[in-house]
Amino acid sequence: MTLIDHGVFLDRMYTACGTTEQKALAHIANVTSSAMSRIQSGDSMPSINTLAQIAMVCDVSIDYLIGISDDPQAPQRAKRAAKALNDSLASPIPRAPGKPSARQPRAKRK
């Protein structure tokens, strides 16, 4: 039993990478042409490293490639969310007037 629908994987890989040419796909996936041939024929499934390489180069998520998600842009959404979180953590926390922010040093007392 396999968790990856081979047909869905191939369709999405071809679409995301913009090619069905075996040599180009092998280059993208960083595998040999014979390994890509076995993947395309269904004789073998790609390793997690190969999936990650294809997803990274073709700018889609692994979830999208293997059919778990229908959102090919999940990586961009995750990057935007992480940036927004980092930006919000970098800004000072608003406090009531007269009270120092948790990130501001307290004034020295005389």
PDB file of N, CA and C in Angstrom:
ATOM      1  N   MET A   1       0.838  -1.183   0.000  1.00  0.00           N
ATOM      2  CA  MET A   1       0.000   0.000   0.000  1.00  0.00           C
ATOM      3  C   MET A   1       0.881   1.243   0.000  1.00  0.00           C
ATOM      4  N   THR A   2       0.486   2.236  -0.767  1.00  0.00           N
ATOM      5  CA  THR A   2       1.228   3.486  -0.824  1.00  0.00           C
ATOM      6  C   THR A   2       0.298   4.652  -0.494  1.00  0.00           C
ATOM      7  N   LEU A   3       0.827   5.632   0.158  1.00  0.00           N
ATOM      8  CA  LEU A   3       0.032   6.803   0.519  1.00  0.00           C
ATOM      9  C   LEU A   3      -0.023   7.832  -0.597  1.00  0.00           C
ATOM     10  N   ILE A   4       0.901   7.719  -1.549  1.00  0.00           N
ATOM     11  CA  ILE A   4       0.973   8.691  -2.639  1.00  0.00           C
ATOM     12  C   ILE A   4       0.242   8.157  -3.853  1.00  0.00           C
ATOM     13  N   ASP A   5      -0.694   8.946  -4.373  1.00  0.00           N
ATOM     14  CA  ASP A   5      -1.377   8.610  -5.627  1.00  0.00           C
ATOM     15  C   ASP A   5      -0.423   8.964  -6.765  1.00  0.00           C
ATOM     16  N   HIS A   6       0.094   7.957  -7.421  1.00  0.00           N
ATOM     17  CA  HIS A   6       1.131   8.153  -8.438  1.00  0.00           C
ATOM     18  C   HIS A   6       0.673   9.081  -9.559  1.00  0.00           C
ATOM     19  N   GLY A   7      -0.555   8.912 -10.022  1.00  0.00           N
ATOM     20  CA  GLY A   7      -1.076   9.765 -11.100  1.00  0.00           C
ATOM     21  C   GLY A   7      -1.161  11.221 -10.688  1.00  0.00           C
ATOM     22  N   VAL A   8      -1.660  11.469  -9.480  1.00  0.00           N
ATOM     23  CA  VAL A   8      -1.750  12.841  -8.965  1.00  0.00           C
ATOM     24  C   VAL A   8      -0.353  13.434  -8.836  1.00  0.00           C
ATOM     25  N   PHE A   9       0.572  12.643  -8.291  1.00  0.00           N
ATOM     26  CA  PHE A   9       1.940  13.121  -8.133  1.00  0.00           C
ATOM     27  C   PHE A   9       2.540  13.527  -9.477  1.00  0.00           C
ATOM     28  N   LEU A  10       2.420  12.656 -10.484  1.00  0.00           N
ATOM     29  CA  LEU A  10       3.003  12.976 -11.797  1.00  0.00           C
ATOM     30  C   LEU A  10       2.362  14.212 -12.409  1.00  0.00           C
ATOM     31  N   ASP A  11       1.025  14.291 -12.368  1.00  0.00           N
ATOM     32  CA  ASP A  11       0.336  15.460 -12.935  1.00  0.00           C
ATOM     33  C   ASP A  11       0.808  16.746 -12.275  1.00  0.00           C
ATOM     34  N   ARG A  12       0.882  16.718 -10.959  1.00  0.00           N
ATOM     35  CA  ARG A  12       1.265  17.932 -10.232  1.00  0.00           C
ATOM     36  C   ARG A  12       2.739  18.268 -10.420  1.00  0.00           C
ATOM     37  N   MET A  13       3.577  17.252 -10.511  1.00  0.00           N
ATOM     38  CA  MET A  13       4.993  17.499 -10.742  1.00  0.00           C
ATOM     39  C   MET A  13       5.193  18.123 -12.120  1.00  0.00           C
ATOM     40  N   TYR A  14       4.538  17.557 -13.139  1.00  0.00           N
ATOM     41  CA  TYR A  14       4.664  18.094 -14.492  1.00  0.00           C
ATOM     42  C   TYR A  14       4.164  19.539 -14.544  1.00  0.00           C
ATOM     43  N   THR A  15       3.033  19.797 -13.917  1.00  0.00           N
ATOM     44  CA  THR A  15       2.452  21.142 -13.931  1.00  0.00           C
ATOM     45  C   THR A  15       3.345  22.122 -13.184  1.00  0.00           C
ATOM     46  N   ALA A  16       3.767  21.760 -11.975  1.00  0.00           N
ATOM     47  CA  ALA A  16       4.573  22.659 -11.148  1.00  0.00           C
ATOM     48  C   ALA A  16       5.925  22.954 -11.778  1.00  0.00           C
ATOM     49  N   CYS A  17       6.527  21.941 -12.364  1.00  0.00           N
ATOM     50  CA  CYS A  17       7.861  22.107 -12.944  1.00  0.00           C
ATOM     51  C   CYS A  17       7.817  22.630 -14.369  1.00  0.00           C
ATOM     52  N   GLY A  18       6.662  22.552 -14.996  1.00  0.00           N
ATOM     53  CA  GLY A  18       6.503  23.088 -16.338  1.00  0.00           C
ATOM     54  C   GLY A  18       7.117  22.244 -17.437  1.00  0.00           C
ATOM     55  N   THR A  19       7.344  20.960 -17.168  1.00  0.00           N
ATOM     56  CA  THR A  19       7.928  20.086 -18.184  1.00  0.00           C
ATOM     57  C   THR A  19       7.574  18.631 -17.897  1.00  0.00           C
ATOM     58  N   THR A  20       7.597  17.836 -18.967  1.00  0.00           N
ATOM     59  CA  THR A  20       7.457  16.390 -18.816  1.00  0.00           C
ATOM     60  C   THR A  20       8.736  15.706 -19.301  1.00  0.00           C
ATOM     61  N   GLU A  21       9.723  16.508 -19.677  1.00  0.00           N
ATOM     62  CA  GLU A  21      10.969  15.967 -20.209  1.00  0.00           C
ATOM     63  C   GLU A  21      11.766  15.290 -19.086  1.00  0.00           C
ATOM     64  N   GLN A  22      12.062  14.028 -19.284  1.00  0.00           N
ATOM     65  CA  GLN A  22      12.718  13.210 -18.267  1.00  0.00           C
ATOM     66  C   GLN A  22      14.055  13.801 -17.822  1.00  0.00           C
ATOM     67  N   LYS A  23      14.847  14.273 -18.753  1.00  0.00           N
ATOM     68  CA  LYS A  23      16.159  14.810 -18.417  1.00  0.00           C
ATOM     69  C   LYS A  23      16.031  16.068 -17.543  1.00  0.00           C
ATOM     70  N   ALA A  24      15.092  16.935 -17.885  1.00  0.00           N
ATOM     71  CA  ALA A  24      14.875  18.157 -17.110  1.00  0.00           C
ATOM     72  C   ALA A  24      14.362  17.822 -15.715  1.00  0.00           C
ATOM     73  N   LEU A  25      13.420  16.892 -15.623  1.00  0.00           N
ATOM     74  CA  LEU A  25      12.877  16.501 -14.319  1.00  0.00           C
ATOM     75  C   LEU A  25      13.956  15.845 -13.453  1.00  0.00           C
ATOM     76  N   ALA A  26      14.809  15.036 -14.067  1.00  0.00           N
ATOM     77  CA  ALA A  26      15.900  14.407 -13.327  1.00  0.00           C
ATOM     78  C   ALA A  26      16.844  15.469 -12.781  1.00  0.00           C
ATOM     79  N   HIS A  27      17.109  16.485 -13.578  1.00  0.00           N
ATOM     80  CA  HIS A  27      17.972  17.579 -13.124  1.00  0.00           C
ATOM     81  C   HIS A  27      17.324  18.330 -11.958  1.00  0.00           C
ATOM     82  N   ILE A  28      16.036  18.644 -12.091  1.00  0.00           N
ATOM     83  CA  ILE A  28      15.301  19.347 -11.036  1.00  0.00           C
ATOM     84  C   ILE A  28      15.310  18.542  -9.737  1.00  0.00           C
ATOM     85  N   ALA A  29      15.073  17.236  -9.861  1.00  0.00           N
ATOM     86  CA  ALA A  29      14.976  16.365  -8.685  1.00  0.00           C
ATOM     87  C   ALA A  29      16.335  15.931  -8.153  1.00  0.00           C
ATOM     88  N   ASN A  30      17.403  16.259  -8.901  1.00  0.00           N
ATOM     89  CA  ASN A  30      18.760  15.881  -8.515  1.00  0.00           C
ATOM     90  C   ASN A  30      18.913  14.357  -8.417  1.00  0.00           C
ATOM     91  N   VAL A  31      18.342  13.667  -9.412  1.00  0.00           N
ATOM     92  CA  VAL A  31      18.475  12.212  -9.517  1.00  0.00           C
ATOM     93  C   VAL A  31      18.940  11.877 -10.932  1.00  0.00           C
ATOM     94  N   THR A  32      19.314  10.633 -11.146  1.00  0.00           N
ATOM     95  CA  THR A  32      19.731  10.212 -12.478  1.00  0.00           C
ATOM     96  C   THR A  32      18.509  10.078 -13.387  1.00  0.00           C
ATOM     97  N   SER A  33      18.757  10.079 -14.672  1.00  0.00           N
ATOM     98  CA  SER A  33      17.656   9.909 -15.632  1.00  0.00           C
ATOM     99  C   SER A  33      16.985   8.554 -15.464  1.00  0.00           C
ATOM    100  N   SER A  34      17.778   7.524 -15.137  1.00  0.00           N
ATOM    101  CA  SER A  34      17.181   6.202 -14.949  1.00  0.00           C
ATOM    102  C   SER A  34      16.297   6.170 -13.699  1.00  0.00           C
ATOM    103  N   ALA A  35      16.706   6.866 -12.637  1.00  0.00           N
ATOM    104  CA  ALA A  35      15.868   6.942 -11.428  1.00  0.00           C
ATOM    105  C   ALA A  35      14.570   7.678 -11.735  1.00  0.00           C
ATOM    106  N   MET A  36      14.660   8.774 -12.518  1.00  0.00           N
ATOM    107  CA  MET A  36      13.446   9.507 -12.884  1.00  0.00           C
ATOM    108  C   MET A  36      12.561   8.656 -13.775  1.00  0.00           C
ATOM    109  N   SER A  37      13.145   7.857 -14.636  1.00  0.00           N
ATOM    110  CA  SER A  37      12.372   6.958 -15.482  1.00  0.00           C
ATOM    111  C   SER A  37      11.575   5.966 -14.633  1.00  0.00           C
ATOM    112  N   ARG A  38      12.211   5.409 -13.599  1.00  0.00           N
ATOM    113  CA  ARG A  38      11.515   4.469 -12.699  1.00  0.00           C
ATOM    114  C   ARG A  38      10.388   5.169 -11.933  1.00  0.00           C
ATOM    115  N   ILE A  39      10.621   6.426 -11.540  1.00  0.00           N
ATOM    116  CA  ILE A  39       9.579   7.189 -10.838  1.00  0.00           C
ATOM    117  C   ILE A  39       8.413   7.450 -11.778  1.00  0.00           C
ATOM    118  N   GLN A  40       8.701   7.873 -13.006  1.00  0.00           N
ATOM    119  CA  GLN A  40       7.641   8.175 -13.968  1.00  0.00           C
ATOM    120  C   GLN A  40       6.854   6.939 -14.364  1.00  0.00           C
ATOM    121  N   SER A  41       7.508   5.788 -14.435  1.00  0.00           N
ATOM    122  CA  SER A  41       6.810   4.562 -14.834  1.00  0.00           C
ATOM    123  C   SER A  41       6.029   3.939 -13.679  1.00  0.00           C
ATOM    124  N   GLY A  42       6.309   4.402 -12.452  1.00  0.00           N
ATOM    125  CA  GLY A  42       5.617   3.852 -11.292  1.00  0.00           C
ATOM    126  C   GLY A  42       6.337   2.663 -10.676  1.00  0.00           C
ATOM    127  N   ASP A  43       7.526   2.335 -11.192  1.00  0.00           N
ATOM    128  CA  ASP A  43       8.296   1.223 -10.628  1.00  0.00           C
ATOM    129  C   ASP A  43       8.875   1.572  -9.256  1.00  0.00           C
ATOM    130  N   SER A  44       9.074   2.856  -8.998  1.00  0.00           N
ATOM    131  CA  SER A  44       9.554   3.285  -7.680  1.00  0.00           C
ATOM    132  C   SER A  44       8.926   4.634  -7.352  1.00  0.00           C
ATOM    133  N   MET A  45       8.963   4.956  -6.081  1.00  0.00           N
ATOM    134  CA  MET A  45       8.441   6.241  -5.636  1.00  0.00           C
ATOM    135  C   MET A  45       9.618   7.108  -5.211  1.00  0.00           C
ATOM    136  N   PRO A  46       9.478   8.428  -5.316  1.00  0.00           N
ATOM    137  CA  PRO A  46      10.587   9.307  -4.932  1.00  0.00           C
ATOM    138  C   PRO A  46      10.820   9.285  -3.425  1.00  0.00           C
ATOM    139  N   SER A  47      12.072   9.440  -3.048  1.00  0.00           N
ATOM    140  CA  SER A  47      12.412   9.530  -1.625  1.00  0.00           C
ATOM    141  C   SER A  47      11.951  10.882  -1.095  1.00  0.00           C
ATOM    142  N   ILE A  48      11.968  11.042   0.212  1.00  0.00           N
ATOM    143  CA  ILE A  48      11.585  12.324   0.805  1.00  0.00           C
ATOM    144  C   ILE A  48      12.548  13.416   0.357  1.00  0.00           C
ATOM    145  N   ASN A  49      13.825  13.072   0.194  1.00  0.00           N
ATOM    146  CA  ASN A  49      14.792  14.063  -0.293  1.00  0.00           C
ATOM    147  C   ASN A  49      14.463  14.509  -1.711  1.00  0.00           C
ATOM    148  N   THR A  50      14.080  13.556  -2.557  1.00  0.00           N
ATOM    149  CA  THR A  50      13.716  13.883  -3.932  1.00  0.00           C
ATOM    150  C   THR A  50      12.451  14.732  -3.956  1.00  0.00           C
ATOM    151  N   LEU A  51      11.449  14.360  -3.144  1.00  0.00           N
ATOM    152  CA  LEU A  51      10.225  15.168  -3.051  1.00  0.00           C
ATOM    153  C   LEU A  51      10.541  16.584  -2.601  1.00  0.00           C
ATOM    154  N   ALA A  52      11.393  16.707  -1.592  1.00  0.00           N
ATOM    155  CA  ALA A  52      11.752  18.035  -1.076  1.00  0.00           C
ATOM    156  C   ALA A  52      12.460  18.861  -2.144  1.00  0.00           C
ATOM    157  N   GLN A  53      13.349  18.230  -2.893  1.00  0.00           N
ATOM    158  CA  GLN A  53      14.070  18.937  -3.957  1.00  0.00           C
ATOM    159  C   GLN A  53      13.105  19.419  -5.035  1.00  0.00           C
ATOM    160  N   ILE A  54      12.191  18.561  -5.472  1.00  0.00           N
ATOM    161  CA  ILE A  54      11.214  18.947  -6.500  1.00  0.00           C
ATOM    162  C   ILE A  54      10.344  20.090  -5.982  1.00  0.00           C
ATOM    163  N   ALA A  55       9.856  19.957  -4.750  1.00  0.00           N
ATOM    164  CA  ALA A  55       8.986  20.988  -4.167  1.00  0.00           C
ATOM    165  C   ALA A  55       9.713  22.325  -4.066  1.00  0.00           C
ATOM    166  N   MET A  56      10.965  22.285  -3.626  1.00  0.00           N
ATOM    167  CA  MET A  56      11.724  23.519  -3.454  1.00  0.00           C
ATOM    168  C   MET A  56      11.983  24.202  -4.797  1.00  0.00           C
ATOM    169  N   VAL A  57      12.462  23.439  -5.768  1.00  0.00           N
ATOM    170  CA  VAL A  57      12.804  24.016  -7.064  1.00  0.00           C
ATOM    171  C   VAL A  57      11.559  24.498  -7.814  1.00  0.00           C
ATOM    172  N   CYS A  58      10.455  23.754  -7.691  1.00  0.00           N
ATOM    173  CA  CYS A  58       9.229  24.107  -8.414  1.00  0.00           C
ATOM    174  C   CYS A  58       8.315  25.027  -7.596  1.00  0.00           C
ATOM    175  N   ASP A  59       8.751  25.390  -6.374  1.00  0.00           N
ATOM    176  CA  ASP A  59       8.059  26.342  -5.514  1.00  0.00           C
ATOM    177  C   ASP A  59       6.632  25.924  -5.166  1.00  0.00           C
ATOM    178  N   VAL A  60       6.493  24.663  -4.766  1.00  0.00           N
ATOM    179  CA  VAL A  60       5.220  24.141  -4.268  1.00  0.00           C
ATOM    180  C   VAL A  60       5.506  23.337  -3.006  1.00  0.00           C
ATOM    181  N   SER A  61       4.456  22.976  -2.290  1.00  0.00           N
ATOM    182  CA  SER A  61       4.656  22.183  -1.080  1.00  0.00           C
ATOM    183  C   SER A  61       4.680  20.688  -1.417  1.00  0.00           C
ATOM    184  N   ILE A  62       5.312  19.915  -0.552  1.00  0.00           N
ATOM    185  CA  ILE A  62       5.295  18.458  -0.722  1.00  0.00           C
ATOM    186  C   ILE A  62       3.864  17.958  -0.594  1.00  0.00           C
ATOM    187  N   ASP A  63       3.091  18.542   0.322  1.00  0.00           N
ATOM    188  CA  ASP A  63       1.685  18.161   0.481  1.00  0.00           C
ATOM    189  C   ASP A  63       0.927  18.296  -0.830  1.00  0.00           C
ATOM    190  N   TYR A  64       1.208  19.363  -1.559  1.00  0.00           N
ATOM    191  CA  TYR A  64       0.548  19.563  -2.854  1.00  0.00           C
ATOM    192  C   TYR A  64       1.011  18.497  -3.854  1.00  0.00           C
ATOM    193  N   LEU A  65       2.305  18.244  -3.918  1.00  0.00           N
ATOM    194  CA  LEU A  65       2.828  17.267  -4.881  1.00  0.00           C
ATOM    195  C   LEU A  65       2.220  15.882  -4.701  1.00  0.00           C
ATOM    196  N   ILE A  66       2.042  15.461  -3.457  1.00  0.00           N
ATOM    197  CA  ILE A  66       1.568  14.095  -3.234  1.00  0.00           C
ATOM    198  C   ILE A  66       0.055  14.002  -3.066  1.00  0.00           C
ATOM    199  N   GLY A  67      -0.639  15.134  -3.197  1.00  0.00           N
ATOM    200  CA  GLY A  67      -2.097  15.098  -3.213  1.00  0.00           C
ATOM    201  C   GLY A  67      -2.788  15.290  -1.877  1.00  0.00           C
ATOM    202  N   ILE A  68      -2.052  15.655  -0.828  1.00  0.00           N
ATOM    203  CA  ILE A  68      -2.688  15.883   0.469  1.00  0.00           C
ATOM    204  C   ILE A  68      -3.392  17.229   0.485  1.00  0.00           C
ATOM    205  N   SER A  69      -2.773  18.236  -0.140  1.00  0.00           N
ATOM    206  CA  SER A  69      -3.323  19.586  -0.185  1.00  0.00           C
ATOM    207  C   SER A  69      -3.585  19.979  -1.633  1.00  0.00           C
ATOM    208  N   ASP A  70      -4.585  20.815  -1.840  1.00  0.00           N
ATOM    209  CA  ASP A  70      -4.852  21.331  -3.172  1.00  0.00           C
ATOM    210  C   ASP A  70      -4.299  22.737  -3.355  1.00  0.00           C
ATOM    211  N   ASP A  71      -3.525  23.208  -2.373  1.00  0.00           N
ATOM    212  CA  ASP A  71      -2.980  24.563  -2.404  1.00  0.00           C
ATOM    213  C   ASP A  71      -1.492  24.529  -2.742  1.00  0.00           C
ATOM    214  N   PRO A  72      -1.146  24.812  -4.007  1.00  0.00           N
ATOM    215  CA  PRO A  72       0.271  24.770  -4.374  1.00  0.00           C
ATOM    216  C   PRO A  72       1.071  25.908  -3.764  1.00  0.00           C
ATOM    217  N   GLN A  73       0.389  26.951  -3.299  1.00  0.00           N
ATOM    218  CA  GLN A  73       1.080  28.120  -2.774  1.00  0.00           C
ATOM    219  C   GLN A  73       1.276  28.082  -1.269  1.00  0.00           C
ATOM    220  N   ALA A  74       1.097  26.947  -0.642  1.00  0.00           N
ATOM    221  CA  ALA A  74       1.245  26.841   0.814  1.00  0.00           C
ATOM    222  C   ALA A  74       2.603  27.344   1.302  1.00  0.00           C
ATOM    223  N   PRO A  75       3.720  27.115   0.585  1.00  0.00           N
ATOM    224  CA  PRO A  75       4.997  27.629   1.097  1.00  0.00           C
ATOM    225  C   PRO A  75       5.015  29.152   1.213  1.00  0.00           C
ATOM    226  N   GLN A  76       4.431  29.848   0.229  1.00  0.00           N
ATOM    227  CA  GLN A  76       4.424  31.305   0.280  1.00  0.00           C
ATOM    228  C   GLN A  76       3.568  31.797   1.443  1.00  0.00           C
ATOM    229  N   ARG A  77       2.435  31.148   1.668  1.00  0.00           N
ATOM    230  CA  ARG A  77       1.576  31.547   2.779  1.00  0.00           C
ATOM    231  C   ARG A  77       2.300  31.342   4.115  1.00  0.00           C
ATOM    232  N   ALA A  78       3.004  30.240   4.244  1.00  0.00           N
ATOM    233  CA  ALA A  78       3.743  29.959   5.477  1.00  0.00           C
ATOM    234  C   ALA A  78       4.860  30.977   5.669  1.00  0.00           C
ATOM    235  N   LYS A  79       5.569  31.341   4.599  1.00  0.00           N
ATOM    236  CA  LYS A  79       6.635  32.335   4.701  1.00  0.00           C
ATOM    237  C   LYS A  79       6.076  33.687   5.120  1.00  0.00           C
ATOM    238  N   ARG A  80       4.930  34.083   4.525  1.00  0.00           N
ATOM    239  CA  ARG A  80       4.322  35.371   4.891  1.00  0.00           C
ATOM    240  C   ARG A  80       3.885  35.361   6.343  1.00  0.00           C
ATOM    241  N   ALA A  81       3.317  34.257   6.815  1.00  0.00           N
ATOM    242  CA  ALA A  81       2.874  34.161   8.208  1.00  0.00           C
ATOM    243  C   ALA A  81       4.072  34.229   9.152  1.00  0.00           C
ATOM    244  N   ALA A  82       5.166  33.543   8.812  1.00  0.00           N
ATOM    245  CA  ALA A  82       6.360  33.577   9.649  1.00  0.00           C
ATOM    246  C   ALA A  82       6.963  34.974   9.686  1.00  0.00           C
ATOM    247  N   LYS A  83       6.969  35.670   8.554  1.00  0.00           N
ATOM    248  CA  LYS A  83       7.491  37.041   8.508  1.00  0.00           C
ATOM    249  C   LYS A  83       6.626  37.963   9.351  1.00  0.00           C
ATOM    250  N   ALA A  84       5.315  37.836   9.240  1.00  0.00           N
ATOM    251  CA  ALA A  84       4.416  38.672  10.037  1.00  0.00           C
ATOM    252  C   ALA A  84       4.630  38.428  11.531  1.00  0.00           C
ATOM    253  N   LEU A  85       4.822  37.179  11.917  1.00  0.00           N
ATOM    254  CA  LEU A  85       5.063  36.855  13.317  1.00  0.00           C
ATOM    255  C   LEU A  85       6.386  37.459  13.780  1.00  0.00           C
ATOM    256  N   ASN A  86       7.436  37.305  12.985  1.00  0.00           N
ATOM    257  CA  ASN A  86       8.735  37.887  13.341  1.00  0.00           C
ATOM    258  C   ASN A  86       8.670  39.401  13.443  1.00  0.00           C
ATOM    259  N   ASP A  87       7.955  40.042  12.505  1.00  0.00           N
ATOM    260  CA  ASP A  87       7.801  41.497  12.540  1.00  0.00           C
ATOM    261  C   ASP A  87       7.071  41.942  13.802  1.00  0.00           C
ATOM    262  N   SER A  88       6.031  41.213  14.163  1.00  0.00           N
ATOM    263  CA  SER A  88       5.271  41.607  15.349  1.00  0.00           C
ATOM    264  C   SER A  88       6.084  41.386  16.622  1.00  0.00           C
ATOM    265  N   LEU A  89       6.924  40.366  16.642  1.00  0.00           N
ATOM    266  CA  LEU A  89       7.762  40.127  17.814  1.00  0.00           C
ATOM    267  C   LEU A  89       8.886  41.157  17.931  1.00  0.00           C
ATOM    268  N   ALA A  90       9.294  41.737  16.813  1.00  0.00           N
ATOM    269  CA  ALA A  90      10.368  42.720  16.825  1.00  0.00           C
ATOM    270  C   ALA A  90       9.887  44.098  17.271  1.00  0.00           C
ATOM    271  N   SER A  91       8.601  44.379  17.152  1.00  0.00           N
ATOM    272  CA  SER A  91       8.095  45.689  17.543  1.00  0.00           C
ATOM    273  C   SER A  91       7.806  45.719  19.042  1.00  0.00           C
ATOM    274  N   PRO A  92       7.915  46.919  19.648  1.00  0.00           N
ATOM    275  CA  PRO A  92       7.667  47.002  21.085  1.00  0.00           C
ATOM    276  C   PRO A  92       6.212  46.683  21.433  1.00  0.00           C
ATOM    277  N   ILE A  93       6.037  46.156  22.601  1.00  0.00           N
ATOM    278  CA  ILE A  93       4.695  45.834  23.076  1.00  0.00           C
ATOM    279  C   ILE A  93       4.067  47.112  23.615  1.00  0.00           C
ATOM    280  N   PRO A  94       2.887  47.485  23.132  1.00  0.00           N
ATOM    281  CA  PRO A  94       2.262  48.710  23.639  1.00  0.00           C
ATOM    282  C   PRO A  94       1.909  48.566  25.116  1.00  0.00           C
ATOM    283  N   ARG A  95       2.187  49.602  25.876  1.00  0.00           N
ATOM    284  CA  ARG A  95       1.886  49.626  27.305  1.00  0.00           C
ATOM    285  C   ARG A  95       1.081  50.881  27.628  1.00  0.00           C
ATOM    286  N   ALA A  96       0.531  50.893  28.811  1.00  0.00           N
ATOM    287  CA  ALA A  96      -0.195  52.076  29.280  1.00  0.00           C
ATOM    288  C   ALA A  96       0.787  53.237  29.412  1.00  0.00           C
ATOM    289  N   PRO A  97       0.315  54.474  29.243  1.00  0.00           N
ATOM    290  CA  PRO A  97       1.213  55.631  29.355  1.00  0.00           C
ATOM    291  C   PRO A  97       1.953  55.626  30.691  1.00  0.00           C
ATOM    292  N   GLY A  98       3.244  55.936  30.637  1.00  0.00           N
ATOM    293  CA  GLY A  98       4.040  56.021  31.837  1.00  0.00           C
ATOM    294  C   GLY A  98       4.692  54.718  32.250  1.00  0.00           C
ATOM    295  N   LYS A  99       4.281  53.611  31.684  1.00  0.00           N
ATOM    296  CA  LYS A  99       4.885  52.322  32.028  1.00  0.00           C
ATOM    297  C   LYS A  99       5.848  51.921  30.911  1.00  0.00           C
ATOM    298  N   PRO A 100       7.044  51.440  31.271  1.00  0.00           N
ATOM    299  CA  PRO A 100       7.987  51.039  30.224  1.00  0.00           C
ATOM    300  C   PRO A 100       7.530  49.742  29.548  1.00  0.00           C
ATOM    301  N   SER A 101       7.889  49.620  28.302  1.00  0.00           N
ATOM    302  CA  SER A 101       7.623  48.396  27.562  1.00  0.00           C
ATOM    303  C   SER A 101       8.481  47.286  28.149  1.00  0.00           C
ATOM    304  N   ALA A 102       8.059  46.065  27.992  1.00  0.00           N
ATOM    305  CA  ALA A 102       8.836  44.921  28.473  1.00  0.00           C
ATOM    306  C   ALA A 102      10.190  44.850  27.796  1.00  0.00           C
ATOM    307  N   ARG A 103      10.310  45.420  26.620  1.00  0.00           N
ATOM    308  CA  ARG A 103      11.562  45.375  25.871  1.00  0.00           C
ATOM    309  C   ARG A 103      12.396  46.646  26.042  1.00  0.00           C
ATOM    310  N   GLN A 104      11.900  47.616  26.832  1.00  0.00           N
ATOM    311  CA  GLN A 104      12.646  48.848  27.060  1.00  0.00           C
ATOM    312  C   GLN A 104      13.298  48.778  28.439  1.00  0.00           C
ATOM    313  N   PRO A 105      14.551  49.237  28.532  1.00  0.00           N
ATOM    314  CA  PRO A 105      15.188  49.203  29.857  1.00  0.00           C
ATOM    315  C   PRO A 105      14.504  50.180  30.806  1.00  0.00           C
ATOM    316  N   ARG A 106      14.481  49.826  32.057  1.00  0.00           N
ATOM    317  CA  ARG A 106      13.880  50.709  33.059  1.00  0.00           C
ATOM    318  C   ARG A 106      14.831  51.879  33.316  1.00  0.00           C
ATOM    319  N   ALA A 107      14.252  53.025  33.594  1.00  0.00           N
ATOM    320  CA  ALA A 107      15.054  54.224  33.889  1.00  0.00           C
ATOM    321  C   ALA A 107      15.762  54.031  35.237  1.00  0.00           C
ATOM    322  N   LYS A 108      16.977  54.528  35.314  1.00  0.00           N
ATOM    323  CA  LYS A 108      17.719  54.433  36.567  1.00  0.00           C
ATOM    324  C   LYS A 108      17.112  55.382  37.587  1.00  0.00           C
ATOM    325  N   ARG A 109      16.990  54.911  38.792  1.00  0.00           N
ATOM    326  CA  ARG A 109      16.450  55.742  39.871  1.00  0.00           C
ATOM    327  C   ARG A 109      17.602  56.452  40.585  1.00  0.00           C
ATOM    328  N   LYS A 110      17.363  57.660  41.034  1.00  0.00           N
ATOM    329  CA  LYS A 110      18.380  58.419  41.767  1.00  0.00           C
ATOM    330  C   LYS A 110      18.326  58.130  43.224  1.00  0.00           C
TER     331      LYS A 110
END
